[in-house]
C-alpha cells in the first residue's frame, strides 16, 4: 500500500479487532451455555476451555487464538513493508486478546495469540517449542507452565537459527505480556495448593488449583 499512514491505521485497528475475538467465551456459551470467565481459573483462554468445556472445544479455541496472532502479522506484511508495522500488529493482536472491546476489556492472558505471532515469524518455533512443551508435560504434568517455559525458546531461535537481533528483542519483550498477566494466577495457585512444589508438579494433567 502506497499510503503508509493509512496502512498503519488499518493494520493496528484490524489487529486489535482480530485479537479481541473472544473465542473461549463464544465456545463456552455455544457448547455448554457457560461464561468461561466465571468458571475454573476464570481465564478466557484455551486451557480453561479444555478443563471446563472439553478437549475439542479447547483445541478449537487454541487454534483460533493462535490464528489471530498469525493473521495480524500476515495482514501487516501484506499492507506494509515495515518491520515496525508488523511488530506493532503482533503486539496489538495480543493486547486485543487481553483487553477485548466486546467484553468490557477483560480477556485472556495473551499466550495463544503470542504463539501465533512468533511462529509466523519463526516457523522453526513449531517443532522446537512443541518438543519442549511435550517433554515438560510428561515430567511436570502442568500444561500452562510447560508451554510457558517452551515459549522461552523463541529468543534463542531468533538468535541461533534466524540470526535476527530484532526478532530476539521483539520476542523477548512480547513474552513479558503473558508472563506479567499470569502473576496473579500464580499467586492464587500457590495459596490454594499450599506449596510451590504442588504448583509446579501435578499428580496428573487434570490436577488443577
N, C-alpha and C. Protein backbone atom coordinates (compact mmCIF):
# COMPACT_ATOMS: atom_id res chain seq x y z
N UNK A 1 0.85 -1.19 0.00
CA UNK A 1 0.00 0.00 0.00
C UNK A 1 0.89 1.24 0.00
N UNK A 2 0.61 2.17 -0.93
CA UNK A 2 1.47 3.33 -1.06
C UNK A 2 1.25 4.34 0.06
N UNK A 3 0.04 4.43 0.59
CA UNK A 3 -0.26 5.37 1.67
C UNK A 3 0.10 4.70 3.00
N UNK A 4 1.33 4.95 3.46
CA UNK A 4 1.82 4.25 4.65
C UNK A 4 1.03 4.58 5.92
N UNK A 5 0.69 5.85 6.19
CA UNK A 5 -0.11 6.13 7.39
C UNK A 5 -1.45 5.41 7.39
N UNK A 6 -2.09 5.32 6.22
CA UNK A 6 -3.36 4.60 6.12
C UNK A 6 -3.15 3.12 6.37
N UNK A 7 -2.06 2.57 5.83
CA UNK A 7 -1.76 1.16 6.05
C UNK A 7 -1.55 0.87 7.53
N UNK A 8 -0.82 1.75 8.20
CA UNK A 8 -0.57 1.56 9.63
C UNK A 8 -1.88 1.58 10.42
N UNK A 9 -2.74 2.54 10.10
CA UNK A 9 -4.02 2.66 10.80
C UNK A 9 -4.88 1.41 10.59
N UNK A 10 -4.94 0.93 9.35
CA UNK A 10 -5.73 -0.26 9.05
C UNK A 10 -5.18 -1.47 9.79
N UNK A 11 -3.86 -1.62 9.76
CA UNK A 11 -3.23 -2.77 10.42
C UNK A 11 -3.49 -2.77 11.92
N UNK A 12 -3.30 -1.63 12.56
CA UNK A 12 -3.47 -1.56 14.01
C UNK A 12 -4.92 -1.84 14.41
N UNK A 13 -5.86 -1.23 13.71
CA UNK A 13 -7.28 -1.44 14.03
C UNK A 13 -7.68 -2.89 13.78
N UNK A 14 -7.27 -3.42 12.62
CA UNK A 14 -7.62 -4.80 12.27
C UNK A 14 -6.97 -5.79 13.22
N UNK A 15 -5.71 -5.54 13.60
CA UNK A 15 -5.02 -6.45 14.52
C UNK A 15 -5.72 -6.47 15.87
N UNK A 16 -6.13 -5.33 16.35
CA UNK A 16 -6.83 -5.28 17.63
C UNK A 16 -8.16 -6.03 17.55
N UNK A 17 -8.92 -5.80 16.48
CA UNK A 17 -10.22 -6.46 16.34
C UNK A 17 -10.06 -7.97 16.18
N UNK A 18 -9.03 -8.38 15.45
CA UNK A 18 -8.74 -9.82 15.34
C UNK A 18 -8.43 -10.40 16.72
N UNK A 19 -7.54 -9.74 17.43
CA UNK A 19 -7.13 -10.24 18.73
C UNK A 19 -8.26 -10.28 19.72
N UNK A 20 -9.21 -9.37 19.58
CA UNK A 20 -10.28 -9.27 20.58
C UNK A 20 -11.44 -10.24 20.32
N UNK A 21 -11.36 -11.04 19.27
CA UNK A 21 -12.41 -12.05 19.06
C UNK A 21 -12.41 -12.99 20.27
N UNK A 22 -13.48 -13.04 21.05
CA UNK A 22 -13.49 -13.82 22.30
C UNK A 22 -13.85 -15.29 22.07
N UNK A 23 -12.94 -16.01 21.47
CA UNK A 23 -13.25 -17.39 21.06
C UNK A 23 -13.63 -18.28 22.23
N UNK A 24 -12.93 -18.17 23.36
CA UNK A 24 -13.24 -19.01 24.52
C UNK A 24 -14.63 -18.70 25.06
N UNK A 25 -14.96 -17.42 25.10
CA UNK A 25 -16.29 -17.01 25.57
C UNK A 25 -17.38 -17.56 24.64
N UNK A 26 -17.16 -17.41 23.34
CA UNK A 26 -18.14 -17.87 22.35
C UNK A 26 -18.33 -19.38 22.44
N UNK A 27 -17.23 -20.13 22.49
CA UNK A 27 -17.31 -21.59 22.56
C UNK A 27 -17.99 -22.03 23.85
N UNK A 28 -17.64 -21.39 24.97
CA UNK A 28 -18.27 -21.74 26.24
C UNK A 28 -19.76 -21.54 26.21
N UNK A 29 -20.21 -20.44 25.61
CA UNK A 29 -21.64 -20.17 25.50
C UNK A 29 -22.33 -21.16 24.57
N UNK A 30 -21.71 -21.41 23.42
CA UNK A 30 -22.34 -22.28 22.42
C UNK A 30 -22.40 -23.74 22.87
N UNK A 31 -21.32 -24.23 23.47
CA UNK A 31 -21.23 -25.67 23.78
C UNK A 31 -21.90 -26.01 25.11
N UNK A 32 -21.65 -25.20 26.14
CA UNK A 32 -22.18 -25.54 27.46
C UNK A 32 -23.05 -24.46 28.08
N UNK A 33 -23.21 -23.35 27.40
CA UNK A 33 -24.03 -22.28 27.93
C UNK A 33 -23.44 -21.62 29.16
N UNK A 34 -22.10 -21.63 29.27
CA UNK A 34 -21.44 -21.04 30.44
C UNK A 34 -20.61 -19.83 30.03
N UNK A 35 -20.35 -18.99 31.00
CA UNK A 35 -19.43 -17.87 30.82
C UNK A 35 -18.06 -18.35 31.30
N UNK A 36 -17.13 -18.55 30.38
CA UNK A 36 -15.83 -19.11 30.72
C UNK A 36 -15.09 -18.25 31.75
N UNK A 37 -15.47 -17.00 31.85
CA UNK A 37 -14.83 -16.09 32.81
C UNK A 37 -15.32 -16.30 34.24
N UNK A 38 -16.32 -17.16 34.40
CA UNK A 38 -16.89 -17.40 35.73
C UNK A 38 -16.60 -18.80 36.25
N UNK A 39 -15.84 -19.59 35.52
CA UNK A 39 -15.57 -20.98 35.93
C UNK A 39 -14.06 -21.25 35.94
N UNK A 40 -13.65 -22.26 36.68
CA UNK A 40 -12.25 -22.66 36.71
C UNK A 40 -11.33 -21.54 37.13
N UNK A 41 -10.32 -21.29 36.32
CA UNK A 41 -9.37 -20.22 36.60
C UNK A 41 -9.92 -18.84 36.22
N UNK A 42 -11.09 -18.83 35.59
CA UNK A 42 -11.77 -17.62 35.13
C UNK A 42 -11.00 -16.92 34.01
N UNK A 43 -10.04 -17.61 33.44
CA UNK A 43 -9.28 -17.05 32.33
C UNK A 43 -9.96 -17.37 31.01
N UNK A 44 -10.04 -16.39 30.13
CA UNK A 44 -10.67 -16.58 28.84
C UNK A 44 -9.64 -17.09 27.83
N UNK A 45 -9.22 -18.34 28.05
CA UNK A 45 -8.20 -18.92 27.19
C UNK A 45 -8.45 -20.38 26.91
N UNK A 46 -7.53 -20.96 26.16
CA UNK A 46 -7.69 -22.34 25.72
C UNK A 46 -7.65 -23.35 26.87
N UNK A 47 -6.73 -23.16 27.83
CA UNK A 47 -6.59 -24.13 28.90
C UNK A 47 -7.84 -24.18 29.78
N UNK A 48 -8.39 -23.04 30.11
CA UNK A 48 -9.61 -23.03 30.90
C UNK A 48 -10.76 -23.68 30.14
N UNK A 49 -10.75 -23.51 28.82
CA UNK A 49 -11.77 -24.16 27.99
C UNK A 49 -11.57 -25.67 27.97
N UNK A 50 -10.32 -26.13 27.88
CA UNK A 50 -10.03 -27.56 27.95
C UNK A 50 -10.63 -28.18 29.21
N UNK A 51 -10.39 -27.54 30.33
CA UNK A 51 -10.80 -28.09 31.62
C UNK A 51 -12.30 -28.01 31.84
N UNK A 52 -12.95 -26.97 31.37
CA UNK A 52 -14.34 -26.72 31.75
C UNK A 52 -15.36 -26.88 30.64
N UNK A 53 -14.90 -26.99 29.39
CA UNK A 53 -15.84 -27.20 28.29
C UNK A 53 -15.57 -28.54 27.59
N UNK A 54 -14.30 -28.82 27.32
CA UNK A 54 -13.97 -30.09 26.69
C UNK A 54 -12.72 -30.00 25.84
N UNK A 55 -12.17 -31.16 25.51
CA UNK A 55 -10.92 -31.21 24.76
C UNK A 55 -11.08 -30.59 23.37
N UNK A 56 -12.14 -31.00 22.65
CA UNK A 56 -12.34 -30.47 21.30
C UNK A 56 -12.55 -28.96 21.33
N UNK A 57 -13.32 -28.50 22.30
CA UNK A 57 -13.57 -27.06 22.42
C UNK A 57 -12.28 -26.31 22.74
N UNK A 58 -11.48 -26.87 23.64
CA UNK A 58 -10.21 -26.25 23.98
C UNK A 58 -9.28 -26.18 22.78
N UNK A 59 -9.25 -27.25 21.99
CA UNK A 59 -8.40 -27.28 20.80
C UNK A 59 -8.87 -26.24 19.78
N UNK A 60 -10.18 -26.08 19.67
CA UNK A 60 -10.74 -25.07 18.75
C UNK A 60 -10.33 -23.67 19.18
N UNK A 61 -10.47 -23.40 20.46
CA UNK A 61 -10.09 -22.08 20.98
C UNK A 61 -8.60 -21.83 20.77
N UNK A 62 -7.78 -22.84 21.04
CA UNK A 62 -6.34 -22.70 20.85
C UNK A 62 -6.01 -22.38 19.40
N UNK A 63 -6.62 -23.11 18.47
CA UNK A 63 -6.35 -22.88 17.04
C UNK A 63 -6.78 -21.49 16.61
N UNK A 64 -7.96 -21.06 17.05
CA UNK A 64 -8.46 -19.73 16.67
C UNK A 64 -7.57 -18.65 17.25
N UNK A 65 -7.19 -18.79 18.53
CA UNK A 65 -6.39 -17.74 19.17
C UNK A 65 -4.98 -17.66 18.58
N UNK A 66 -4.39 -18.81 18.26
CA UNK A 66 -3.10 -18.78 17.56
C UNK A 66 -3.26 -18.12 16.19
N UNK A 67 -4.35 -18.46 15.52
CA UNK A 67 -4.61 -17.88 14.21
C UNK A 67 -4.77 -16.37 14.24
N UNK A 68 -5.32 -15.84 15.34
CA UNK A 68 -5.50 -14.38 15.45
C UNK A 68 -4.15 -13.66 15.39
N UNK A 69 -3.17 -14.19 16.11
CA UNK A 69 -1.85 -13.58 16.10
C UNK A 69 -1.17 -13.70 14.75
N UNK A 70 -1.26 -14.88 14.16
CA UNK A 70 -0.65 -15.09 12.85
C UNK A 70 -1.30 -14.23 11.79
N UNK A 71 -2.62 -14.11 11.83
CA UNK A 71 -3.34 -13.31 10.83
C UNK A 71 -2.98 -11.84 10.93
N UNK A 72 -2.77 -11.35 12.14
CA UNK A 72 -2.39 -9.94 12.32
C UNK A 72 -1.04 -9.66 11.67
N UNK A 73 -0.08 -10.57 11.86
CA UNK A 73 1.24 -10.39 11.25
C UNK A 73 1.15 -10.50 9.73
N UNK A 74 0.37 -11.47 9.25
CA UNK A 74 0.22 -11.65 7.80
C UNK A 74 -0.39 -10.41 7.16
N UNK A 75 -1.40 -9.84 7.80
CA UNK A 75 -2.02 -8.63 7.26
C UNK A 75 -1.03 -7.48 7.22
N UNK A 76 -0.23 -7.35 8.27
CA UNK A 76 0.77 -6.28 8.30
C UNK A 76 1.79 -6.45 7.18
N UNK A 77 2.22 -7.67 6.94
CA UNK A 77 3.18 -7.92 5.86
C UNK A 77 2.58 -7.61 4.50
N UNK A 78 1.30 -7.86 4.36
CA UNK A 78 0.62 -7.63 3.08
C UNK A 78 0.45 -6.14 2.80
N UNK A 79 0.15 -5.36 3.84
CA UNK A 79 -0.15 -3.95 3.66
C UNK A 79 1.06 -3.02 3.80
N UNK A 80 2.14 -3.51 4.40
CA UNK A 80 3.28 -2.63 4.63
C UNK A 80 4.59 -3.41 4.55
N UNK A 81 5.63 -2.73 4.11
CA UNK A 81 6.96 -3.33 4.05
C UNK A 81 7.75 -3.11 5.34
N UNK A 82 7.16 -2.41 6.29
CA UNK A 82 7.87 -2.03 7.50
C UNK A 82 7.81 -3.13 8.57
N UNK A 83 8.98 -3.51 9.08
CA UNK A 83 9.01 -4.47 10.18
C UNK A 83 8.36 -3.91 11.43
N UNK A 84 8.47 -2.60 11.63
CA UNK A 84 7.87 -2.00 12.82
C UNK A 84 6.36 -2.10 12.79
N UNK A 85 5.77 -1.94 11.63
CA UNK A 85 4.32 -2.10 11.50
C UNK A 85 3.93 -3.54 11.83
N UNK A 86 4.70 -4.47 11.33
CA UNK A 86 4.45 -5.89 11.60
C UNK A 86 4.56 -6.18 13.10
N UNK A 87 5.59 -5.63 13.73
CA UNK A 87 5.76 -5.85 15.17
C UNK A 87 4.61 -5.24 15.97
N UNK A 88 4.20 -4.03 15.59
CA UNK A 88 3.08 -3.39 16.29
C UNK A 88 1.79 -4.18 16.10
N UNK A 89 1.63 -4.78 14.94
CA UNK A 89 0.44 -5.58 14.68
C UNK A 89 0.37 -6.77 15.65
N UNK A 90 1.52 -7.42 15.85
CA UNK A 90 1.55 -8.54 16.78
C UNK A 90 1.22 -8.14 18.20
N UNK A 91 1.83 -7.04 18.64
CA UNK A 91 1.56 -6.53 19.99
C UNK A 91 0.08 -6.19 20.15
N UNK A 92 -0.47 -5.52 19.14
CA UNK A 92 -1.86 -5.08 19.22
C UNK A 92 -2.82 -6.27 19.24
N UNK A 93 -2.51 -7.32 18.49
CA UNK A 93 -3.36 -8.52 18.50
C UNK A 93 -3.37 -9.17 19.87
N UNK A 94 -2.20 -9.25 20.50
CA UNK A 94 -2.12 -9.85 21.84
C UNK A 94 -2.87 -8.99 22.86
N UNK A 95 -2.71 -7.67 22.77
CA UNK A 95 -3.43 -6.78 23.68
C UNK A 95 -4.93 -6.83 23.43
N UNK A 96 -5.32 -7.02 22.17
CA UNK A 96 -6.74 -7.17 21.86
C UNK A 96 -7.32 -8.40 22.52
N UNK A 97 -6.55 -9.48 22.55
CA UNK A 97 -6.97 -10.71 23.22
C UNK A 97 -7.12 -10.47 24.72
N UNK A 98 -6.19 -9.75 25.30
CA UNK A 98 -6.20 -9.50 26.74
C UNK A 98 -7.27 -8.48 27.15
N UNK A 99 -7.56 -7.53 26.25
CA UNK A 99 -8.49 -6.46 26.57
C UNK A 99 -9.52 -6.30 25.44
N UNK A 100 -10.40 -7.28 25.26
CA UNK A 100 -11.36 -7.24 24.16
C UNK A 100 -12.47 -6.21 24.38
N UNK A 101 -12.72 -5.41 23.39
CA UNK A 101 -13.74 -4.37 23.48
C UNK A 101 -15.12 -4.96 23.69
N UNK A 102 -15.34 -6.19 23.19
CA UNK A 102 -16.66 -6.81 23.25
C UNK A 102 -17.04 -7.26 24.67
N UNK A 103 -16.07 -7.43 25.55
CA UNK A 103 -16.35 -7.99 26.87
C UNK A 103 -15.81 -7.10 27.98
N UNK A 104 -15.97 -5.80 27.81
CA UNK A 104 -15.55 -4.88 28.85
C UNK A 104 -14.06 -4.86 29.10
N UNK A 105 -13.28 -5.19 28.09
CA UNK A 105 -11.82 -5.15 28.15
C UNK A 105 -11.25 -6.13 29.19
N UNK A 106 -11.97 -7.25 29.41
CA UNK A 106 -11.49 -8.30 30.32
C UNK A 106 -11.38 -9.60 29.54
N UNK A 107 -10.15 -9.97 29.17
CA UNK A 107 -9.95 -11.14 28.34
C UNK A 107 -8.99 -12.14 28.91
N UNK A 108 -8.15 -12.70 28.04
CA UNK A 108 -7.22 -13.75 28.45
C UNK A 108 -5.86 -13.21 28.83
N UNK A 109 -4.88 -14.11 28.80
CA UNK A 109 -3.51 -13.74 29.20
C UNK A 109 -2.61 -13.44 28.00
N UNK A 110 -3.04 -13.85 26.79
CA UNK A 110 -2.28 -13.50 25.59
C UNK A 110 -1.34 -14.56 25.08
N UNK A 111 -1.29 -15.74 25.72
CA UNK A 111 -0.32 -16.76 25.32
C UNK A 111 -0.52 -17.29 23.91
N UNK A 112 -1.76 -17.66 23.57
CA UNK A 112 -2.00 -18.27 22.25
C UNK A 112 -1.79 -17.31 21.09
N UNK A 113 -2.34 -16.08 21.13
CA UNK A 113 -2.04 -15.16 20.02
C UNK A 113 -0.56 -14.81 19.94
N UNK A 114 0.12 -14.79 21.09
CA UNK A 114 1.56 -14.58 21.08
C UNK A 114 2.26 -15.69 20.30
N UNK A 115 1.86 -16.93 20.56
CA UNK A 115 2.42 -18.07 19.82
C UNK A 115 2.20 -17.87 18.33
N UNK A 116 1.00 -17.42 17.95
CA UNK A 116 0.70 -17.20 16.53
C UNK A 116 1.61 -16.19 15.88
N UNK A 117 1.87 -15.09 16.59
CA UNK A 117 2.76 -14.07 16.01
C UNK A 117 4.17 -14.60 15.84
N UNK A 118 4.65 -15.34 16.84
CA UNK A 118 6.05 -15.78 16.81
C UNK A 118 6.29 -16.92 15.83
N UNK A 119 5.34 -17.86 15.74
CA UNK A 119 5.56 -18.97 14.79
C UNK A 119 5.39 -18.51 13.36
N UNK A 120 4.62 -17.44 13.15
CA UNK A 120 4.53 -16.89 11.79
C UNK A 120 5.87 -16.32 11.37
N UNK A 121 6.53 -15.63 12.29
CA UNK A 121 7.83 -15.03 12.01
C UNK A 121 8.94 -16.09 12.00
N UNK A 122 8.81 -17.08 12.89
CA UNK A 122 9.87 -18.08 13.07
C UNK A 122 9.28 -19.48 13.09
N UNK A 123 8.99 -20.05 11.93
CA UNK A 123 8.35 -21.37 11.87
C UNK A 123 9.12 -22.49 12.58
N UNK A 124 10.44 -22.31 12.74
CA UNK A 124 11.21 -23.33 13.48
C UNK A 124 10.74 -23.43 14.93
N UNK A 125 10.01 -22.43 15.38
CA UNK A 125 9.48 -22.50 16.73
C UNK A 125 8.44 -23.59 16.91
N UNK A 126 7.82 -24.03 15.82
CA UNK A 126 6.79 -25.07 15.92
C UNK A 126 7.38 -26.40 16.40
N UNK A 127 8.34 -27.01 15.68
CA UNK A 127 8.87 -28.29 16.16
C UNK A 127 9.67 -28.16 17.45
N UNK A 128 10.44 -27.09 17.58
CA UNK A 128 11.28 -26.94 18.78
C UNK A 128 10.42 -26.67 20.01
N UNK A 129 9.52 -25.69 19.90
CA UNK A 129 8.66 -25.35 21.03
C UNK A 129 7.74 -26.50 21.41
N UNK A 130 7.20 -27.18 20.40
CA UNK A 130 6.29 -28.30 20.68
C UNK A 130 7.03 -29.44 21.38
N UNK A 131 8.25 -29.71 20.98
CA UNK A 131 9.05 -30.76 21.62
C UNK A 131 9.32 -30.44 23.08
N UNK A 132 9.68 -29.17 23.35
CA UNK A 132 9.94 -28.76 24.73
C UNK A 132 8.66 -28.88 25.56
N UNK A 133 7.56 -28.43 24.99
CA UNK A 133 6.27 -28.49 25.69
C UNK A 133 5.91 -29.93 26.05
N UNK A 134 6.00 -30.84 25.11
CA UNK A 134 5.60 -32.23 25.35
C UNK A 134 6.51 -32.90 26.37
N UNK A 135 7.81 -32.62 26.29
CA UNK A 135 8.75 -33.20 27.25
C UNK A 135 8.45 -32.72 28.67
N UNK A 136 8.24 -31.43 28.81
CA UNK A 136 7.92 -30.88 30.13
C UNK A 136 6.58 -31.39 30.64
N UNK A 137 5.63 -31.53 29.75
CA UNK A 137 4.31 -32.02 30.15
C UNK A 137 4.39 -33.43 30.71
N UNK A 138 5.24 -34.25 30.12
CA UNK A 138 5.43 -35.61 30.62
C UNK A 138 6.03 -35.62 32.03
N UNK A 139 6.87 -34.62 32.31
CA UNK A 139 7.57 -34.60 33.59
C UNK A 139 6.74 -33.94 34.69
N UNK A 140 6.21 -32.75 34.42
CA UNK A 140 5.54 -31.99 35.49
C UNK A 140 4.01 -32.04 35.42
N UNK A 141 3.47 -32.47 34.28
CA UNK A 141 2.03 -32.63 34.10
C UNK A 141 1.26 -31.32 34.33
N UNK A 142 1.87 -30.23 33.98
CA UNK A 142 1.29 -28.90 34.17
C UNK A 142 1.32 -28.19 32.82
N UNK A 143 0.21 -28.25 32.04
CA UNK A 143 0.23 -27.72 30.68
C UNK A 143 0.61 -26.25 30.57
N UNK A 144 0.05 -25.40 31.42
CA UNK A 144 0.31 -23.97 31.31
C UNK A 144 1.78 -23.64 31.56
N UNK A 145 2.35 -24.21 32.61
CA UNK A 145 3.77 -23.96 32.88
C UNK A 145 4.64 -24.55 31.78
N UNK A 146 4.25 -25.71 31.26
CA UNK A 146 5.02 -26.36 30.20
C UNK A 146 5.10 -25.49 28.95
N UNK A 147 3.95 -24.94 28.54
CA UNK A 147 4.01 -24.11 27.33
C UNK A 147 4.64 -22.75 27.63
N UNK A 148 4.51 -22.28 28.88
CA UNK A 148 5.16 -21.03 29.25
C UNK A 148 6.67 -21.13 29.14
N UNK A 149 7.23 -22.23 29.63
CA UNK A 149 8.67 -22.44 29.52
C UNK A 149 9.07 -22.65 28.07
N UNK A 150 8.23 -23.38 27.33
CA UNK A 150 8.54 -23.63 25.91
C UNK A 150 8.62 -22.33 25.13
N UNK A 151 7.82 -21.34 25.51
CA UNK A 151 7.86 -20.05 24.81
C UNK A 151 9.22 -19.37 24.92
N UNK A 152 9.94 -19.69 25.97
CA UNK A 152 11.25 -19.06 26.17
C UNK A 152 12.26 -19.45 25.09
N UNK A 153 11.93 -20.45 24.29
CA UNK A 153 12.86 -20.87 23.24
C UNK A 153 12.92 -19.87 22.10
N UNK A 154 11.89 -19.02 21.96
CA UNK A 154 11.83 -18.15 20.77
C UNK A 154 12.97 -17.14 20.66
N UNK A 155 13.36 -16.45 21.73
CA UNK A 155 14.51 -15.56 21.57
C UNK A 155 15.78 -16.30 21.13
N UNK A 156 15.95 -17.54 21.60
CA UNK A 156 17.12 -18.33 21.21
C UNK A 156 17.02 -18.79 19.75
N UNK A 157 15.80 -19.13 19.33
CA UNK A 157 15.59 -19.49 17.92
C UNK A 157 15.89 -18.28 17.03
N UNK A 158 15.43 -17.11 17.46
CA UNK A 158 15.68 -15.88 16.69
C UNK A 158 17.18 -15.62 16.56
N UNK A 159 17.90 -15.90 17.62
CA UNK A 159 19.35 -15.64 17.66
C UNK A 159 20.14 -16.72 16.92
N UNK A 160 19.89 -17.99 17.24
CA UNK A 160 20.73 -19.07 16.75
C UNK A 160 20.34 -19.59 15.37
N UNK A 161 19.06 -19.49 15.01
CA UNK A 161 18.61 -20.03 13.72
C UNK A 161 18.38 -18.93 12.69
N UNK A 162 17.69 -17.88 13.11
CA UNK A 162 17.36 -16.81 12.16
C UNK A 162 18.36 -15.67 12.16
N UNK A 163 19.20 -15.60 13.17
CA UNK A 163 20.24 -14.57 13.25
C UNK A 163 19.65 -13.16 13.09
N UNK A 164 18.54 -12.96 13.82
CA UNK A 164 17.83 -11.68 13.74
C UNK A 164 17.78 -11.03 15.12
N UNK A 165 18.59 -9.98 15.28
CA UNK A 165 18.60 -9.28 16.54
C UNK A 165 17.26 -8.63 16.86
N UNK A 166 16.57 -8.13 15.81
CA UNK A 166 15.27 -7.51 16.05
C UNK A 166 14.24 -8.53 16.52
N UNK A 167 14.33 -9.77 16.00
CA UNK A 167 13.43 -10.82 16.45
C UNK A 167 13.73 -11.22 17.90
N UNK A 168 15.01 -11.20 18.26
CA UNK A 168 15.38 -11.52 19.65
C UNK A 168 14.74 -10.52 20.60
N UNK A 169 14.90 -9.24 20.29
CA UNK A 169 14.34 -8.19 21.15
C UNK A 169 12.82 -8.25 21.16
N UNK A 170 12.24 -8.41 19.97
CA UNK A 170 10.78 -8.43 19.85
C UNK A 170 10.17 -9.60 20.62
N UNK A 171 10.70 -10.80 20.41
CA UNK A 171 10.14 -11.97 21.09
C UNK A 171 10.33 -11.87 22.60
N UNK A 172 11.46 -11.35 23.04
CA UNK A 172 11.72 -11.20 24.48
C UNK A 172 10.73 -10.24 25.12
N UNK A 173 10.48 -9.12 24.46
CA UNK A 173 9.54 -8.14 25.00
C UNK A 173 8.10 -8.67 24.96
N UNK A 174 7.77 -9.37 23.89
CA UNK A 174 6.42 -9.91 23.76
C UNK A 174 6.12 -10.94 24.85
N UNK A 175 7.13 -11.71 25.23
CA UNK A 175 6.93 -12.74 26.25
C UNK A 175 6.55 -12.13 27.60
N UNK A 176 6.91 -10.89 27.81
CA UNK A 176 6.58 -10.24 29.08
C UNK A 176 5.07 -10.08 29.26
N UNK A 177 4.33 -9.95 28.15
CA UNK A 177 2.88 -9.70 28.26
C UNK A 177 2.16 -10.85 28.96
N UNK A 178 2.26 -12.10 28.45
CA UNK A 178 1.56 -13.17 29.18
C UNK A 178 2.18 -13.48 30.53
N UNK A 179 3.50 -13.35 30.66
CA UNK A 179 4.13 -13.68 31.93
C UNK A 179 3.68 -12.72 33.04
N UNK A 180 3.65 -11.43 32.73
CA UNK A 180 3.18 -10.46 33.72
C UNK A 180 1.69 -10.66 34.00
N UNK A 181 0.92 -10.94 32.95
CA UNK A 181 -0.52 -11.14 33.11
C UNK A 181 -0.82 -12.34 34.00
N UNK A 182 0.09 -13.31 34.01
CA UNK A 182 -0.17 -14.55 34.73
C UNK A 182 0.24 -14.49 36.21
N UNK A 183 0.90 -13.43 36.64
CA UNK A 183 1.37 -13.35 38.03
C UNK A 183 0.25 -13.51 39.05
N UNK A 184 -0.90 -12.81 38.91
CA UNK A 184 -1.97 -13.01 39.90
C UNK A 184 -2.46 -14.45 39.96
N UNK A 185 -2.53 -15.12 38.83
CA UNK A 185 -2.98 -16.52 38.80
C UNK A 185 -1.97 -17.42 39.51
N UNK A 186 -0.68 -17.15 39.34
CA UNK A 186 0.34 -17.95 40.02
C UNK A 186 0.21 -17.80 41.53
N UNK A 187 -0.02 -16.57 41.99
CA UNK A 187 -0.21 -16.35 43.42
C UNK A 187 -1.44 -17.08 43.93
N UNK A 188 -2.49 -17.09 43.14
CA UNK A 188 -3.72 -17.79 43.53
C UNK A 188 -3.47 -19.30 43.66
N UNK A 189 -2.73 -19.87 42.70
CA UNK A 189 -2.44 -21.30 42.75
C UNK A 189 -1.57 -21.64 43.95
N UNK A 190 -0.62 -20.78 44.28
CA UNK A 190 0.23 -21.00 45.45
C UNK A 190 -0.61 -21.04 46.73
N UNK A 191 -1.55 -20.14 46.84
CA UNK A 191 -2.41 -20.08 48.02
C UNK A 191 -3.28 -21.33 48.13
N UNK A 192 -3.85 -21.77 47.01
CA UNK A 192 -4.75 -22.92 47.03
C UNK A 192 -4.00 -24.24 47.24
N UNK A 193 -2.80 -24.35 46.69
CA UNK A 193 -2.07 -25.61 46.75
C UNK A 193 -1.33 -25.82 48.06
N UNK A 194 -0.87 -24.73 48.67
CA UNK A 194 -0.15 -24.82 49.93
C UNK A 194 1.35 -24.91 49.79
N UNK A 195 1.87 -25.17 48.59
CA UNK A 195 3.32 -25.24 48.40
C UNK A 195 3.65 -25.03 46.92
N UNK A 196 4.87 -24.53 46.68
CA UNK A 196 5.31 -24.32 45.31
C UNK A 196 5.51 -25.65 44.59
N UNK A 197 5.88 -26.68 45.34
CA UNK A 197 6.05 -27.99 44.72
C UNK A 197 4.77 -28.50 44.10
N UNK A 198 3.66 -28.31 44.80
CA UNK A 198 2.36 -28.74 44.28
C UNK A 198 1.93 -27.88 43.10
N UNK A 199 2.35 -26.62 43.10
CA UNK A 199 2.02 -25.74 41.98
C UNK A 199 2.74 -26.22 40.72
N UNK A 200 4.02 -26.53 40.86
CA UNK A 200 4.86 -26.82 39.70
C UNK A 200 4.64 -28.23 39.15
N UNK A 201 4.60 -29.21 40.05
CA UNK A 201 4.45 -30.58 39.58
C UNK A 201 3.11 -31.15 40.02
N UNK A 202 2.33 -31.60 39.05
CA UNK A 202 0.98 -32.09 39.33
C UNK A 202 0.96 -33.61 39.36
N UNK A 203 -0.07 -34.15 40.01
CA UNK A 203 -0.24 -35.60 40.02
C UNK A 203 -0.62 -36.10 38.64
N UNK A 204 -1.44 -35.32 37.93
CA UNK A 204 -1.85 -35.66 36.56
C UNK A 204 -2.28 -34.36 35.88
N UNK A 205 -2.56 -34.44 34.61
CA UNK A 205 -2.88 -33.25 33.83
C UNK A 205 -4.18 -32.61 34.31
N UNK A 206 -5.11 -33.42 34.85
CA UNK A 206 -6.39 -32.88 35.31
C UNK A 206 -6.28 -32.22 36.69
N UNK A 207 -5.16 -32.43 37.38
CA UNK A 207 -4.95 -31.83 38.69
C UNK A 207 -4.80 -30.33 38.51
N UNK A 208 -5.68 -29.56 39.17
CA UNK A 208 -5.66 -28.12 38.94
C UNK A 208 -6.12 -27.37 40.18
N UNK A 209 -5.56 -26.19 40.40
CA UNK A 209 -5.91 -25.36 41.55
C UNK A 209 -6.66 -24.11 41.10
